[in-house]
Amino acid sequence: MFTGLVQALGTVRAVTDEQGGRRLRVAEPAIAPALQSGESVAVCGACLTVVAHDADAFDFEVGPETLAKTTLGRLATGDRVNLERALRVGDALGGHFVTGHVDCVGTVLTEEVTGEWLTVWFGFPLEFGDLLVGKGSVAVDGVSLTVVDAQADRLSVMLIPHTRAHTTLGTKKPGDAVNLEFDLLAKHVQKLFKRISVTV
C-alpha cells in the first residue's frame, strides 16, 4: 500500500529482457541503501519487488502482465521514474490509499498553463468513467492528485509547482502515456451496486 506521495525521482540505468519479462535497474542513491530485498516500491505507480540492490541502485523483475498493462514496458535507459516506498504502520497518510495496481494506461490530452500552475487533461478508456468524481482522488504515474473535472473518458487535474518540479508529471507532454489507478473505494462501491442491480 502507498500514499501517492513521491519520495524520489530515480533514473533508469538498465533495461534487460528476460524470458517474456524484463529486469529494470533504477539508480537513486538517496533511498537505495535503506532498501531490502523483497521490499515493495512503487515505480511510476506500479508496485514492484526489489530483487537486488547496492549503495546507489536497485533491481526489479517486471512480468509480462505488468509490461502489458502499464507504461513500464516503454521505459528506456536514462528515463526518470517516480519512486515511493511502501506505507508502514504509523506513517502519515498525506495523499490517499494507493495500491500500486495500475488500472489502465491513459494519455495526456491537453495542458493549460496559468502562471506556475498547470491544468492537465488525461484521456482513458470509457469503462473507467464511473470510478471518478470531481474533487475525488486519482493516482497518475503514482502521484496522488485531486480530480478537478471528471467526464466519461477524461479527467483534469491541476499540478502545483512542487509537483511539477519533483515528479515526472512536470515533463509530460500531450500524447505521452501515464499509468492511472482509480480510487479503491470507488471500485468496491461500483462492484457492490452491480451485484445489487442484478439481484433486484
N, C-alpha and C. Protein backbone atom coordinates (compact mmCIF):
# COMPACT_ATOMS: atom_id res chain seq x y z
N MET A 1 0.85 -1.19 0.00
CA MET A 1 0.00 0.00 0.00
C MET A 1 0.88 1.25 0.00
N PHE A 2 0.42 2.27 -0.72
CA PHE A 2 1.18 3.50 -0.86
C PHE A 2 0.25 4.69 -0.62
N THR A 3 0.82 5.89 -0.64
CA THR A 3 0.02 7.09 -0.41
C THR A 3 -0.06 8.00 -1.64
N GLY A 4 0.77 7.75 -2.64
CA GLY A 4 0.80 8.62 -3.81
C GLY A 4 1.65 9.85 -3.62
N LEU A 5 2.47 9.87 -2.57
CA LEU A 5 3.41 10.98 -2.36
C LEU A 5 4.80 10.51 -2.79
N VAL A 6 5.25 11.00 -3.92
CA VAL A 6 6.52 10.57 -4.48
C VAL A 6 7.66 10.99 -3.56
N GLN A 7 8.54 10.04 -3.26
CA GLN A 7 9.65 10.30 -2.35
C GLN A 7 10.95 10.64 -3.06
N ALA A 8 11.06 10.21 -4.30
CA ALA A 8 12.31 10.48 -5.04
C ALA A 8 12.08 10.25 -6.52
N LEU A 9 12.92 10.89 -7.33
CA LEU A 9 12.96 10.64 -8.76
C LEU A 9 14.17 9.77 -9.05
N GLY A 10 13.94 8.59 -9.60
CA GLY A 10 15.04 7.72 -9.96
C GLY A 10 15.34 7.81 -11.44
N THR A 11 16.47 7.25 -11.84
CA THR A 11 16.87 7.21 -13.24
C THR A 11 17.07 5.77 -13.66
N VAL A 12 16.44 5.38 -14.76
CA VAL A 12 16.61 4.02 -15.27
C VAL A 12 18.04 3.85 -15.75
N ARG A 13 18.74 2.91 -15.15
CA ARG A 13 20.13 2.67 -15.51
C ARG A 13 20.27 1.56 -16.55
N ALA A 14 19.38 0.57 -16.50
CA ALA A 14 19.46 -0.54 -17.46
C ALA A 14 18.10 -1.21 -17.57
N VAL A 15 17.80 -1.68 -18.78
CA VAL A 15 16.60 -2.48 -19.05
C VAL A 15 17.04 -3.72 -19.80
N THR A 16 16.74 -4.90 -19.23
CA THR A 16 17.20 -6.16 -19.82
C THR A 16 16.01 -7.09 -20.02
N ASP A 17 15.84 -7.61 -21.23
CA ASP A 17 14.77 -8.58 -21.49
C ASP A 17 15.11 -9.91 -20.84
N GLU A 18 14.08 -10.53 -20.21
CA GLU A 18 14.27 -11.81 -19.52
C GLU A 18 13.04 -12.69 -19.68
N GLN A 19 13.08 -13.66 -20.59
CA GLN A 19 12.05 -14.69 -20.74
C GLN A 19 10.63 -14.13 -20.67
N GLY A 20 10.32 -13.21 -21.51
CA GLY A 20 8.98 -12.64 -21.56
C GLY A 20 8.78 -11.44 -20.66
N GLY A 21 9.66 -11.27 -19.69
CA GLY A 21 9.60 -10.13 -18.79
C GLY A 21 10.81 -9.25 -18.99
N ARG A 22 11.05 -8.39 -18.01
CA ARG A 22 12.21 -7.52 -18.08
C ARG A 22 12.80 -7.31 -16.69
N ARG A 23 14.08 -7.06 -16.67
CA ARG A 23 14.75 -6.66 -15.43
C ARG A 23 15.05 -5.18 -15.55
N LEU A 24 14.64 -4.45 -14.54
CA LEU A 24 14.76 -3.00 -14.55
C LEU A 24 15.70 -2.57 -13.43
N ARG A 25 16.74 -1.83 -13.77
CA ARG A 25 17.67 -1.31 -12.77
C ARG A 25 17.49 0.20 -12.68
N VAL A 26 17.24 0.68 -11.47
CA VAL A 26 16.97 2.10 -11.23
C VAL A 26 18.00 2.65 -10.25
N ALA A 27 18.57 3.79 -10.57
CA ALA A 27 19.55 4.44 -9.70
C ALA A 27 18.88 5.56 -8.90
N GLU A 28 19.07 5.53 -7.60
CA GLU A 28 18.59 6.60 -6.73
C GLU A 28 19.32 6.44 -5.39
N PRO A 29 20.49 7.08 -5.23
CA PRO A 29 21.33 6.84 -4.05
C PRO A 29 20.75 7.31 -2.73
N ALA A 30 19.71 8.14 -2.77
CA ALA A 30 19.13 8.62 -1.52
C ALA A 30 18.35 7.54 -0.79
N ILE A 31 17.72 6.63 -1.54
CA ILE A 31 16.93 5.59 -0.87
C ILE A 31 17.51 4.18 -1.04
N ALA A 32 18.42 4.00 -1.99
CA ALA A 32 18.95 2.66 -2.25
C ALA A 32 19.55 1.98 -1.02
N PRO A 33 20.35 2.68 -0.19
CA PRO A 33 20.98 1.99 0.95
C PRO A 33 19.97 1.47 1.97
N ALA A 34 18.78 2.06 2.02
CA ALA A 34 17.79 1.66 3.03
C ALA A 34 16.90 0.52 2.56
N LEU A 35 16.97 0.18 1.29
CA LEU A 35 16.08 -0.85 0.75
C LEU A 35 16.54 -2.25 1.15
N GLN A 36 15.58 -3.16 1.18
CA GLN A 36 15.87 -4.57 1.45
C GLN A 36 15.30 -5.41 0.32
N SER A 37 15.93 -6.51 0.02
CA SER A 37 15.40 -7.42 -0.99
C SER A 37 14.03 -7.92 -0.55
N GLY A 38 13.09 -7.94 -1.48
CA GLY A 38 11.73 -8.33 -1.16
C GLY A 38 10.82 -7.17 -0.83
N GLU A 39 11.38 -5.99 -0.68
CA GLU A 39 10.58 -4.80 -0.35
C GLU A 39 9.81 -4.31 -1.57
N SER A 40 8.62 -3.74 -1.32
CA SER A 40 7.80 -3.19 -2.39
C SER A 40 8.11 -1.71 -2.59
N VAL A 41 8.23 -1.33 -3.86
CA VAL A 41 8.44 0.07 -4.23
C VAL A 41 7.52 0.37 -5.41
N ALA A 42 6.83 1.49 -5.36
CA ALA A 42 6.00 1.92 -6.49
C ALA A 42 6.89 2.67 -7.48
N VAL A 43 6.91 2.18 -8.71
CA VAL A 43 7.68 2.79 -9.79
C VAL A 43 6.68 3.35 -10.80
N CYS A 44 6.56 4.67 -10.84
CA CYS A 44 5.54 5.33 -11.65
C CYS A 44 4.16 4.73 -11.38
N GLY A 45 3.92 4.42 -10.11
CA GLY A 45 2.61 3.95 -9.70
C GLY A 45 2.41 2.45 -9.73
N ALA A 46 3.35 1.69 -10.27
CA ALA A 46 3.24 0.23 -10.34
C ALA A 46 4.06 -0.40 -9.21
N CYS A 47 3.42 -1.23 -8.41
CA CYS A 47 4.09 -1.87 -7.28
C CYS A 47 5.03 -2.96 -7.79
N LEU A 48 6.32 -2.83 -7.49
CA LEU A 48 7.32 -3.80 -7.89
C LEU A 48 8.11 -4.26 -6.66
N THR A 49 8.74 -5.43 -6.79
CA THR A 49 9.52 -6.01 -5.69
C THR A 49 11.01 -5.84 -5.95
N VAL A 50 11.72 -5.34 -4.96
CA VAL A 50 13.17 -5.20 -5.06
C VAL A 50 13.80 -6.59 -5.03
N VAL A 51 14.58 -6.93 -6.07
CA VAL A 51 15.22 -8.25 -6.13
C VAL A 51 16.72 -8.17 -5.90
N ALA A 52 17.30 -6.98 -5.98
CA ALA A 52 18.73 -6.77 -5.71
C ALA A 52 18.95 -5.28 -5.50
N HIS A 53 20.00 -4.95 -4.75
CA HIS A 53 20.28 -3.54 -4.53
C HIS A 53 21.73 -3.38 -4.08
N ASP A 54 22.24 -2.17 -4.28
CA ASP A 54 23.56 -1.82 -3.75
C ASP A 54 23.48 -0.40 -3.21
N ALA A 55 24.59 0.29 -3.13
CA ALA A 55 24.62 1.59 -2.46
C ALA A 55 23.84 2.68 -3.19
N ASP A 56 23.66 2.54 -4.51
CA ASP A 56 23.01 3.63 -5.23
C ASP A 56 21.96 3.19 -6.24
N ALA A 57 21.71 1.88 -6.38
CA ALA A 57 20.75 1.42 -7.37
C ALA A 57 20.09 0.13 -6.91
N PHE A 58 18.99 -0.22 -7.57
CA PHE A 58 18.24 -1.41 -7.18
C PHE A 58 17.54 -1.98 -8.41
N ASP A 59 17.24 -3.28 -8.34
CA ASP A 59 16.68 -4.01 -9.48
C ASP A 59 15.28 -4.51 -9.19
N PHE A 60 14.47 -4.57 -10.28
CA PHE A 60 13.13 -5.15 -10.22
C PHE A 60 12.98 -6.13 -11.37
N GLU A 61 12.18 -7.17 -11.16
CA GLU A 61 11.77 -8.06 -12.23
C GLU A 61 10.33 -7.69 -12.60
N VAL A 62 10.12 -7.33 -13.84
CA VAL A 62 8.80 -6.87 -14.30
C VAL A 62 8.20 -7.93 -15.20
N GLY A 63 7.05 -8.51 -14.79
CA GLY A 63 6.44 -9.60 -15.52
C GLY A 63 5.65 -9.15 -16.73
N PRO A 64 5.24 -10.11 -17.58
CA PRO A 64 4.51 -9.79 -18.81
C PRO A 64 3.22 -9.01 -18.56
N GLU A 65 2.46 -9.35 -17.52
CA GLU A 65 1.20 -8.65 -17.24
C GLU A 65 1.45 -7.18 -16.94
N THR A 66 2.47 -6.90 -16.13
CA THR A 66 2.80 -5.51 -15.79
C THR A 66 3.29 -4.75 -17.02
N LEU A 67 4.07 -5.40 -17.84
CA LEU A 67 4.56 -4.76 -19.06
C LEU A 67 3.41 -4.42 -20.00
N ALA A 68 2.39 -5.30 -20.03
CA ALA A 68 1.27 -5.10 -20.95
C ALA A 68 0.29 -4.04 -20.45
N LYS A 69 0.12 -3.93 -19.12
CA LYS A 69 -0.93 -3.08 -18.56
C LYS A 69 -0.43 -1.73 -18.02
N THR A 70 0.89 -1.48 -18.10
CA THR A 70 1.44 -0.23 -17.59
C THR A 70 2.41 0.36 -18.62
N THR A 71 2.96 1.50 -18.28
CA THR A 71 3.95 2.13 -19.16
C THR A 71 5.37 1.61 -18.94
N LEU A 72 5.56 0.70 -18.00
CA LEU A 72 6.91 0.26 -17.66
C LEU A 72 7.60 -0.44 -18.83
N GLY A 73 6.82 -1.04 -19.72
CA GLY A 73 7.42 -1.69 -20.88
C GLY A 73 8.00 -0.70 -21.88
N ARG A 74 7.69 0.58 -21.71
CA ARG A 74 8.19 1.61 -22.62
C ARG A 74 9.43 2.32 -22.08
N LEU A 75 9.83 1.97 -20.87
CA LEU A 75 10.98 2.66 -20.27
C LEU A 75 12.28 2.31 -20.98
N ALA A 76 13.16 3.29 -21.05
CA ALA A 76 14.48 3.10 -21.66
C ALA A 76 15.54 3.69 -20.74
N THR A 77 16.77 3.30 -20.95
CA THR A 77 17.88 3.82 -20.16
C THR A 77 17.89 5.35 -20.20
N GLY A 78 17.99 5.96 -19.03
CA GLY A 78 18.02 7.41 -18.92
C GLY A 78 16.69 8.03 -18.55
N ASP A 79 15.59 7.28 -18.67
CA ASP A 79 14.28 7.81 -18.30
C ASP A 79 14.19 8.03 -16.80
N ARG A 80 13.42 9.04 -16.39
CA ARG A 80 13.18 9.30 -14.98
C ARG A 80 11.90 8.61 -14.55
N VAL A 81 11.87 8.15 -13.29
CA VAL A 81 10.70 7.45 -12.77
C VAL A 81 10.38 7.95 -11.36
N ASN A 82 9.08 8.01 -11.04
CA ASN A 82 8.63 8.36 -9.70
C ASN A 82 8.79 7.14 -8.79
N LEU A 83 9.30 7.38 -7.58
CA LEU A 83 9.53 6.28 -6.63
C LEU A 83 8.86 6.58 -5.30
N GLU A 84 8.23 5.54 -4.73
CA GLU A 84 7.68 5.63 -3.39
C GLU A 84 7.80 4.27 -2.70
N ARG A 85 8.39 4.26 -1.53
CA ARG A 85 8.45 3.03 -0.74
C ARG A 85 7.08 2.75 -0.12
N ALA A 86 6.83 1.50 0.21
CA ALA A 86 5.53 1.10 0.75
C ALA A 86 5.24 1.78 2.08
N LEU A 87 3.96 2.05 2.29
CA LEU A 87 3.48 2.66 3.53
C LEU A 87 3.71 1.71 4.70
N ARG A 88 4.22 2.24 5.81
CA ARG A 88 4.42 1.46 7.02
C ARG A 88 3.41 1.89 8.08
N VAL A 89 3.10 0.98 8.99
CA VAL A 89 2.17 1.30 10.07
C VAL A 89 2.73 2.48 10.87
N GLY A 90 1.90 3.50 11.04
CA GLY A 90 2.33 4.70 11.77
C GLY A 90 2.76 5.84 10.88
N ASP A 91 2.97 5.56 9.58
CA ASP A 91 3.34 6.63 8.66
C ASP A 91 2.16 7.57 8.43
N ALA A 92 2.46 8.83 8.16
CA ALA A 92 1.41 9.79 7.85
C ALA A 92 0.83 9.48 6.47
N LEU A 93 -0.49 9.58 6.36
CA LEU A 93 -1.16 9.36 5.08
C LEU A 93 -1.49 10.72 4.49
N GLY A 94 -0.57 11.23 3.69
CA GLY A 94 -0.74 12.57 3.16
C GLY A 94 -1.49 12.64 1.85
N GLY A 95 -1.54 11.52 1.11
CA GLY A 95 -2.24 11.51 -0.17
C GLY A 95 -3.56 10.77 -0.02
N HIS A 96 -3.67 9.59 -0.68
CA HIS A 96 -4.81 8.71 -0.47
C HIS A 96 -4.31 7.28 -0.61
N PHE A 97 -5.14 6.30 -0.27
CA PHE A 97 -4.70 4.91 -0.36
C PHE A 97 -4.51 4.51 -1.82
N VAL A 98 -3.26 4.17 -2.15
CA VAL A 98 -2.89 3.76 -3.50
C VAL A 98 -2.33 2.34 -3.40
N THR A 99 -2.86 1.42 -4.21
CA THR A 99 -2.44 0.03 -4.10
C THR A 99 -1.19 -0.29 -4.91
N GLY A 100 -0.94 0.51 -5.94
CA GLY A 100 0.17 0.17 -6.83
C GLY A 100 -0.25 -0.80 -7.92
N HIS A 101 -1.57 -1.03 -8.04
CA HIS A 101 -2.11 -1.90 -9.09
C HIS A 101 -2.74 -1.00 -10.15
N VAL A 102 -2.02 -0.77 -11.21
CA VAL A 102 -2.44 0.16 -12.26
C VAL A 102 -3.68 -0.37 -12.97
N ASP A 103 -4.69 0.48 -13.15
CA ASP A 103 -5.92 0.08 -13.82
C ASP A 103 -5.81 0.15 -15.33
N CYS A 104 -5.15 1.19 -15.82
CA CYS A 104 -5.02 1.33 -17.27
C CYS A 104 -3.95 2.37 -17.58
N VAL A 105 -3.59 2.40 -18.84
CA VAL A 105 -2.68 3.44 -19.34
C VAL A 105 -3.54 4.55 -19.94
N GLY A 106 -3.31 5.77 -19.48
CA GLY A 106 -4.00 6.93 -20.01
C GLY A 106 -3.07 7.75 -20.89
N THR A 107 -3.61 8.81 -21.44
CA THR A 107 -2.84 9.66 -22.36
C THR A 107 -3.02 11.12 -22.00
N VAL A 108 -1.93 11.87 -22.01
CA VAL A 108 -2.02 13.32 -21.81
C VAL A 108 -2.71 13.91 -23.05
N LEU A 109 -3.82 14.61 -22.81
CA LEU A 109 -4.57 15.20 -23.93
C LEU A 109 -4.18 16.66 -24.17
N THR A 110 -4.34 17.48 -23.14
CA THR A 110 -4.02 18.90 -23.28
C THR A 110 -3.41 19.42 -21.99
N GLU A 111 -2.72 20.53 -22.11
CA GLU A 111 -2.15 21.23 -20.95
C GLU A 111 -2.45 22.72 -21.08
N GLU A 112 -2.78 23.33 -19.96
CA GLU A 112 -3.05 24.78 -19.95
C GLU A 112 -2.27 25.41 -18.80
N VAL A 113 -1.36 26.30 -19.13
CA VAL A 113 -0.52 26.95 -18.13
C VAL A 113 -1.18 28.23 -17.65
N THR A 114 -1.26 28.38 -16.33
CA THR A 114 -1.73 29.62 -15.73
C THR A 114 -0.70 30.05 -14.70
N GLY A 115 0.20 30.94 -15.08
CA GLY A 115 1.32 31.30 -14.21
C GLY A 115 2.21 30.09 -14.00
N GLU A 116 2.38 29.67 -12.73
CA GLU A 116 3.19 28.49 -12.43
C GLU A 116 2.32 27.23 -12.30
N TRP A 117 1.03 27.39 -12.48
CA TRP A 117 0.10 26.27 -12.33
C TRP A 117 -0.18 25.64 -13.69
N LEU A 118 -0.44 24.34 -13.67
CA LEU A 118 -0.65 23.62 -14.92
C LEU A 118 -1.89 22.73 -14.79
N THR A 119 -2.90 22.98 -15.64
CA THR A 119 -4.07 22.12 -15.71
C THR A 119 -3.84 21.11 -16.83
N VAL A 120 -3.99 19.83 -16.49
CA VAL A 120 -3.73 18.76 -17.46
C VAL A 120 -4.98 17.89 -17.59
N TRP A 121 -5.33 17.57 -18.83
CA TRP A 121 -6.41 16.62 -19.12
C TRP A 121 -5.80 15.30 -19.55
N PHE A 122 -6.30 14.21 -18.96
CA PHE A 122 -5.86 12.87 -19.32
C PHE A 122 -7.05 12.09 -19.88
N GLY A 123 -6.82 11.36 -20.96
CA GLY A 123 -7.84 10.50 -21.53
C GLY A 123 -7.65 9.07 -21.04
N PHE A 124 -8.75 8.31 -21.00
CA PHE A 124 -8.69 6.91 -20.55
C PHE A 124 -9.88 6.15 -21.14
N PRO A 125 -9.88 4.82 -21.10
CA PRO A 125 -10.99 4.03 -21.66
C PRO A 125 -12.31 4.32 -20.95
N LEU A 126 -13.41 4.29 -21.70
CA LEU A 126 -14.74 4.62 -21.19
C LEU A 126 -15.15 3.77 -19.98
N GLU A 127 -14.68 2.54 -19.91
CA GLU A 127 -15.12 1.62 -18.84
C GLU A 127 -14.76 2.11 -17.44
N PHE A 128 -13.86 3.08 -17.35
CA PHE A 128 -13.43 3.55 -16.03
C PHE A 128 -14.10 4.86 -15.61
N GLY A 129 -14.94 5.40 -16.45
CA GLY A 129 -15.52 6.70 -16.17
C GLY A 129 -16.33 6.78 -14.89
N ASP A 130 -16.99 5.68 -14.51
CA ASP A 130 -17.83 5.70 -13.31
C ASP A 130 -17.02 5.70 -12.01
N LEU A 131 -15.72 5.55 -12.11
CA LEU A 131 -14.88 5.50 -10.90
C LEU A 131 -14.36 6.87 -10.49
N LEU A 132 -14.79 7.92 -11.18
CA LEU A 132 -14.27 9.25 -10.92
C LEU A 132 -15.38 10.24 -10.57
N VAL A 133 -15.08 11.12 -9.64
CA VAL A 133 -15.95 12.24 -9.32
C VAL A 133 -15.07 13.48 -9.13
N GLY A 134 -15.63 14.64 -9.39
CA GLY A 134 -14.90 15.87 -9.13
C GLY A 134 -14.52 15.97 -7.66
N LYS A 135 -13.32 16.40 -7.38
CA LYS A 135 -12.74 16.52 -6.04
C LYS A 135 -12.43 15.16 -5.41
N GLY A 136 -12.55 14.09 -6.21
CA GLY A 136 -12.12 12.78 -5.76
C GLY A 136 -10.62 12.62 -5.98
N SER A 137 -10.12 11.41 -5.77
CA SER A 137 -8.68 11.15 -5.88
C SER A 137 -8.38 10.23 -7.05
N VAL A 138 -7.20 10.42 -7.63
CA VAL A 138 -6.68 9.55 -8.67
C VAL A 138 -5.16 9.54 -8.55
N ALA A 139 -4.55 8.42 -8.90
CA ALA A 139 -3.09 8.34 -8.93
C ALA A 139 -2.64 8.34 -10.38
N VAL A 140 -1.80 9.29 -10.74
CA VAL A 140 -1.26 9.41 -12.10
C VAL A 140 0.24 9.20 -12.03
N ASP A 141 0.71 8.12 -12.64
CA ASP A 141 2.13 7.73 -12.53
C ASP A 141 2.56 7.67 -11.06
N GLY A 142 1.63 7.24 -10.20
CA GLY A 142 1.93 7.09 -8.79
C GLY A 142 1.80 8.34 -7.96
N VAL A 143 1.36 9.43 -8.56
CA VAL A 143 1.21 10.71 -7.86
C VAL A 143 -0.25 10.89 -7.45
N SER A 144 -0.51 11.06 -6.16
CA SER A 144 -1.86 11.29 -5.68
C SER A 144 -2.30 12.70 -6.06
N LEU A 145 -3.42 12.77 -6.79
CA LEU A 145 -3.92 14.06 -7.27
C LEU A 145 -5.42 14.17 -7.02
N THR A 146 -5.89 15.40 -6.92
CA THR A 146 -7.32 15.67 -6.79
C THR A 146 -7.92 15.93 -8.17
N VAL A 147 -8.99 15.24 -8.47
CA VAL A 147 -9.67 15.42 -9.75
C VAL A 147 -10.39 16.77 -9.75
N VAL A 148 -10.10 17.59 -10.76
CA VAL A 148 -10.80 18.87 -10.91
C VAL A 148 -12.12 18.64 -11.63
N ASP A 149 -12.07 17.97 -12.76
CA ASP A 149 -13.27 17.68 -13.54
C ASP A 149 -13.21 16.24 -14.02
N ALA A 150 -14.34 15.54 -13.96
CA ALA A 150 -14.41 14.15 -14.39
C ALA A 150 -15.47 14.00 -15.46
N GLN A 151 -15.09 13.46 -16.62
CA GLN A 151 -16.02 13.18 -17.70
C GLN A 151 -15.95 11.70 -18.05
N ALA A 152 -16.74 11.28 -19.01
CA ALA A 152 -16.87 9.85 -19.31
C ALA A 152 -15.55 9.19 -19.67
N ASP A 153 -14.68 9.90 -20.38
CA ASP A 153 -13.44 9.27 -20.84
C ASP A 153 -12.23 10.17 -20.63
N ARG A 154 -12.36 11.14 -19.72
CA ARG A 154 -11.23 12.04 -19.45
C ARG A 154 -11.39 12.68 -18.08
N LEU A 155 -10.29 13.14 -17.57
CA LEU A 155 -10.28 13.85 -16.28
C LEU A 155 -9.24 14.95 -16.33
N SER A 156 -9.45 15.95 -15.48
CA SER A 156 -8.45 17.01 -15.39
C SER A 156 -7.95 17.14 -13.96
N VAL A 157 -6.70 17.55 -13.83
CA VAL A 157 -6.08 17.83 -12.55
C VAL A 157 -5.31 19.14 -12.67
N MET A 158 -4.99 19.75 -11.55
CA MET A 158 -4.14 20.94 -11.56
C MET A 158 -2.86 20.60 -10.81
N LEU A 159 -1.74 20.78 -11.47
CA LEU A 159 -0.44 20.49 -10.88
C LEU A 159 0.15 21.74 -10.26
N ILE A 160 0.48 21.65 -8.98
CA ILE A 160 1.13 22.77 -8.32
C ILE A 160 2.61 22.78 -8.70
N PRO A 161 3.31 23.90 -8.52
CA PRO A 161 4.72 23.96 -8.90
C PRO A 161 5.57 22.87 -8.26
N HIS A 162 5.30 22.51 -7.00
CA HIS A 162 6.09 21.47 -6.33
C HIS A 162 5.96 20.14 -7.07
N THR A 163 4.75 19.78 -7.45
CA THR A 163 4.53 18.52 -8.16
C THR A 163 5.23 18.52 -9.51
N ARG A 164 5.18 19.64 -10.20
CA ARG A 164 5.84 19.74 -11.50
C ARG A 164 7.35 19.60 -11.37
N ALA A 165 7.90 20.11 -10.27
CA ALA A 165 9.35 20.10 -10.10
C ALA A 165 9.89 18.79 -9.55
N HIS A 166 9.05 18.04 -8.80
CA HIS A 166 9.56 16.88 -8.07
C HIS A 166 9.01 15.55 -8.54
N THR A 167 8.25 15.53 -9.65
CA THR A 167 7.76 14.28 -10.22
C THR A 167 7.92 14.33 -11.74
N THR A 168 7.71 13.19 -12.37
CA THR A 168 7.82 13.15 -13.83
C THR A 168 6.68 13.87 -14.52
N LEU A 169 5.62 14.20 -13.79
CA LEU A 169 4.48 14.87 -14.43
C LEU A 169 4.85 16.24 -14.96
N GLY A 170 5.87 16.84 -14.41
CA GLY A 170 6.30 18.16 -14.87
C GLY A 170 6.91 18.16 -16.26
N THR A 171 7.24 16.97 -16.77
CA THR A 171 7.86 16.88 -18.10
C THR A 171 6.95 16.23 -19.14
N LYS A 172 5.75 15.82 -18.72
CA LYS A 172 4.84 15.16 -19.66
C LYS A 172 4.28 16.16 -20.67
N LYS A 173 4.07 15.66 -21.88
CA LYS A 173 3.53 16.47 -22.96
C LYS A 173 2.33 15.75 -23.59
N PRO A 174 1.46 16.50 -24.30
CA PRO A 174 0.34 15.85 -24.98
C PRO A 174 0.80 14.67 -25.84
N GLY A 175 0.08 13.56 -25.69
CA GLY A 175 0.44 12.34 -26.40
C GLY A 175 1.20 11.34 -25.55
N ASP A 176 1.79 11.82 -24.44
CA ASP A 176 2.55 10.92 -23.56
C ASP A 176 1.60 10.00 -22.80
N ALA A 177 2.09 8.80 -22.50
CA ALA A 177 1.31 7.82 -21.76
C ALA A 177 1.60 7.92 -20.26
N VAL A 178 0.58 7.64 -19.44
CA VAL A 178 0.73 7.65 -17.99
C VAL A 178 -0.03 6.47 -17.39
N ASN A 179 0.43 6.01 -16.24
CA ASN A 179 -0.28 4.97 -15.50
C ASN A 179 -1.39 5.61 -14.67
N LEU A 180 -2.58 5.03 -14.72
CA LEU A 180 -3.70 5.54 -13.95
C LEU A 180 -4.20 4.47 -12.98
N GLU A 181 -4.36 4.86 -11.73
CA GLU A 181 -5.02 4.00 -10.74
C GLU A 181 -6.16 4.78 -10.12
N PHE A 182 -7.37 4.23 -10.26
CA PHE A 182 -8.55 4.91 -9.75
C PHE A 182 -8.80 4.52 -8.29
N ASP A 183 -9.64 5.30 -7.64
CA ASP A 183 -9.83 5.17 -6.20
C ASP A 183 -10.34 3.78 -5.81
N LEU A 184 -9.70 3.18 -4.83
CA LEU A 184 -10.03 1.83 -4.38
C LEU A 184 -11.46 1.75 -3.86
N LEU A 185 -11.89 2.73 -3.09
CA LEU A 185 -13.24 2.72 -2.54
C LEU A 185 -14.29 2.78 -3.65
N ALA A 186 -14.02 3.56 -4.68
CA ALA A 186 -14.95 3.66 -5.80
C ALA A 186 -15.12 2.31 -6.49
N LYS A 187 -14.05 1.54 -6.58
CA LYS A 187 -14.13 0.22 -7.22
C LYS A 187 -15.03 -0.71 -6.43
N HIS A 188 -14.90 -0.70 -5.10
CA HIS A 188 -15.73 -1.56 -4.26
C HIS A 188 -17.20 -1.15 -4.33
N VAL A 189 -17.46 0.15 -4.32
CA VAL A 189 -18.84 0.64 -4.41
C VAL A 189 -19.44 0.24 -5.75
N GLN A 190 -18.68 0.39 -6.83
CA GLN A 190 -19.17 0.04 -8.16
C GLN A 190 -19.54 -1.44 -8.22
N LYS A 191 -18.68 -2.30 -7.66
CA LYS A 191 -18.95 -3.74 -7.68
C LYS A 191 -20.19 -4.07 -6.85
N LEU A 192 -20.34 -3.42 -5.70
CA LEU A 192 -21.49 -3.65 -4.84
C LEU A 192 -22.79 -3.29 -5.56
N PHE A 193 -22.81 -2.14 -6.22
CA PHE A 193 -24.02 -1.71 -6.89
C PHE A 193 -24.35 -2.60 -8.09
N LYS A 194 -23.34 -3.15 -8.75
CA LYS A 194 -23.58 -4.08 -9.85
C LYS A 194 -24.26 -5.34 -9.33
N ARG A 195 -23.81 -5.82 -8.16
CA ARG A 195 -24.42 -7.01 -7.57
C ARG A 195 -25.88 -6.73 -7.18
N ILE A 196 -26.11 -5.55 -6.60
CA ILE A 196 -27.46 -5.18 -6.18
C ILE A 196 -28.39 -5.10 -7.39
N SER A 197 -27.92 -4.49 -8.48
CA SER A 197 -28.75 -4.33 -9.66
C SER A 197 -29.11 -5.66 -10.28
N VAL A 198 -28.22 -6.66 -10.14
CA VAL A 198 -28.50 -7.98 -10.69
C VAL A 198 -29.55 -8.71 -9.86
N THR A 199 -29.55 -8.51 -8.54
CA THR A 199 -30.47 -9.24 -7.67
C THR A 199 -31.84 -8.58 -7.55
N VAL A 200 -31.92 -7.28 -7.91
CA VAL A 200 -33.21 -6.58 -7.77
C VAL A 200 -34.15 -6.95 -8.92
